[in-house]
C-alpha atoms as a PDB file:
ATOM      1  CA  MET A   1     155.600 318.767 216.557  1.00  0.00           C
ATOM      2  CA  PHE A   2     157.291 319.630 213.044  1.00  0.00           C
ATOM      3  CA  SER A   3     155.950 320.670 209.853  1.00  0.00           C
ATOM      4  CA  ALA A   4     156.870 317.752 207.753  1.00  0.00           C
ATOM      5  CA  ALA A   5     155.167 318.608 204.523  1.00  0.00           C
ATOM      6  CA  GLY A   6     157.556 317.769 201.684  1.00  0.00           C
ATOM      7  CA  HIS A   7     160.080 316.064 204.041  1.00  0.00           C
ATOM      8  CA  PRO A   8     159.266 312.327 204.018  1.00  0.00           C
ATOM      9  CA  GLY A   9     162.410 311.584 206.111  1.00  0.00           C
ATOM     10  CA  ARG A  10     161.180 314.139 208.861  1.00  0.00           C
ATOM     11  CA  ALA A  11     157.793 312.731 208.659  1.00  0.00           C
ATOM     12  CA  PHE A  12     159.032 309.132 209.033  1.00  0.00           C
ATOM     13  CA  ALA A  13     161.226 310.250 212.184  1.00  0.00           C
ATOM     14  CA  ASN A  14     158.197 312.189 213.642  1.00  0.00           C
ATOM     15  CA  ASP A  15     156.066 308.860 213.227  1.00  0.00           C
ATOM     16  CA  VAL A  16     158.794 306.832 214.950  1.00  0.00           C
ATOM     17  CA  VAL A  17     159.251 309.348 217.726  1.00  0.00           C
ATOM     18  CA  CYS A  18     155.347 309.300 218.371  1.00  0.00           C
ATOM     19  CA  GLY A  19     155.236 305.529 218.203  1.00  0.00           C
ATOM     20  CA  VAL A  20     157.919 305.262 220.653  1.00  0.00           C
ATOM     21  CA  LEU A  21     156.212 307.573 223.142  1.00  0.00           C
ATOM     22  CA  LEU A  22     153.053 305.546 222.779  1.00  0.00           C
ATOM     23  CA  LEU A  23     154.771 302.257 223.277  1.00  0.00           C
ATOM     24  CA  ILE A  24     156.432 303.709 226.445  1.00  0.00           C
ATOM     25  CA  LEU A  25     153.062 304.947 227.619  1.00  0.00           C
ATOM     26  CA  GLY A  26     151.242 301.679 227.109  1.00  0.00           C
ATOM     27  CA  LEU A  27     153.930 299.682 228.725  1.00  0.00           C
ATOM     28  CA  THR A  28     154.026 302.041 231.882  1.00  0.00           C
ATOM     29  CA  SER A  29     150.209 301.805 231.956  1.00  0.00           C
ATOM     30  CA  ALA A  30     150.270 297.883 231.838  1.00  0.00           C
ATOM     31  CA  VAL A  31     153.045 297.733 234.727  1.00  0.00           C
ATOM     32  CA  LEU A  32     151.081 300.025 236.851  1.00  0.00           C
ATOM     33  CA  THR A  33     147.923 298.157 236.245  1.00  0.00           C
ATOM     34  CA  TYR A  34     149.596 294.870 237.092  1.00  0.00           C
ATOM     35  CA  ARG A  35     151.046 296.252 240.224  1.00  0.00           C
ATOM     36  CA  GLN A  36     147.747 297.612 241.414  1.00  0.00           C
ATOM     37  CA  ARG A  37     145.805 294.217 240.846  1.00  0.00           C
ATOM     38  CA  ALA A  38     148.605 292.437 242.507  1.00  0.00           C
ATOM     39  CA  GLU A  39     148.244 294.689 245.539  1.00  0.00           C
ATOM     40  CA  ALA A  40     144.568 294.199 245.506  1.00  0.00           C
ATOM     41  CA  ARG A  41     144.924 290.371 245.419  1.00  0.00           C
ATOM     42  CA  ARG A  42     147.432 290.675 248.303  1.00  0.00           C
ATOM     43  CA  ALA A  43     144.812 292.773 250.459  1.00  0.00           C
ATOM     44  CA  ALA A  44     141.876 290.488 249.446  1.00  0.00           C
ATOM     45  CA  GLY A  45     143.896 287.421 250.592  1.00  0.00           C
ATOM     46  CA  ALA A  46     144.874 289.141 253.937  1.00  0.00           C
ATOM     47  CA  ALA A  47     141.301 290.126 254.637  1.00  0.00           C
ATOM     48  CA  ARG A  48     140.251 286.423 254.268  1.00  0.00           C
ATOM     49  CA  GLY A  49     143.032 285.310 256.594  1.00  0.00           C
ATOM     50  CA  MET A  50     145.293 283.611 254.057  1.00  0.00           C
END
Protein backbone atom coordinates (compact mmCIF):
# COMPACT_ATOMS: atom_id res chain seq x y z
CA MET A 1 0.00 0.00 0.00
CA PHE A 2 2.12 2.85 1.35
CA SER A 3 5.80 3.15 2.05
CA ALA A 4 5.54 3.68 5.79
CA ALA A 5 9.26 3.71 6.55
CA GLY A 6 9.97 6.52 8.99
CA HIS A 7 6.29 7.32 9.49
CA PRO A 8 5.03 5.53 12.60
CA GLY A 9 1.57 7.12 12.37
CA ARG A 10 1.16 6.02 8.77
CA ALA A 11 2.39 2.52 9.61
CA PHE A 12 -0.16 2.26 12.41
CA ALA A 13 -2.96 3.49 10.14
CA ASN A 14 -1.92 0.95 7.51
CA ASP A 15 -2.02 -1.83 10.14
CA VAL A 16 -5.47 -0.72 11.26
CA VAL A 17 -6.79 -0.71 7.68
CA CYS A 18 -5.37 -4.18 7.02
CA GLY A 19 -6.77 -5.46 10.31
CA VAL A 20 -10.24 -4.12 9.54
CA LEU A 21 -10.18 -5.69 6.07
CA LEU A 22 -9.15 -9.06 7.52
CA LEU A 23 -11.90 -8.79 10.14
CA ILE A 24 -14.51 -8.07 7.46
CA LEU A 25 -13.30 -11.00 5.35
CA GLY A 26 -13.36 -13.32 8.35
CA LEU A 27 -16.87 -12.31 9.40
CA THR A 28 -18.15 -12.63 5.84
CA SER A 29 -16.65 -16.09 5.54
CA ALA A 30 -18.21 -17.15 8.86
CA VAL A 31 -21.66 -15.91 7.84
CA LEU A 32 -21.51 -17.61 4.45
CA THR A 33 -20.32 -20.88 6.01
CA TYR A 34 -23.14 -20.74 8.58
CA ARG A 35 -25.74 -20.15 5.87
CA GLN A 36 -24.36 -22.99 3.75
CA ARG A 37 -24.44 -25.41 6.69
CA ALA A 38 -27.97 -24.32 7.62
CA GLU A 39 -29.13 -24.95 4.05
CA ALA A 40 -27.46 -28.38 4.06
CA ARG A 41 -29.25 -29.26 7.32
CA ARG A 42 -32.58 -28.18 5.84
CA ALA A 43 -31.99 -30.25 2.70
CA ALA A 44 -30.99 -33.30 4.76
CA GLY A 45 -34.10 -32.92 6.91
CA ALA A 46 -36.34 -32.66 3.87
CA ALA A 47 -34.72 -35.74 2.33
CA ARG A 48 -35.44 -37.74 5.50
CA GLY A 49 -39.06 -36.59 5.45
CA MET A 50 -38.92 -34.28 8.46
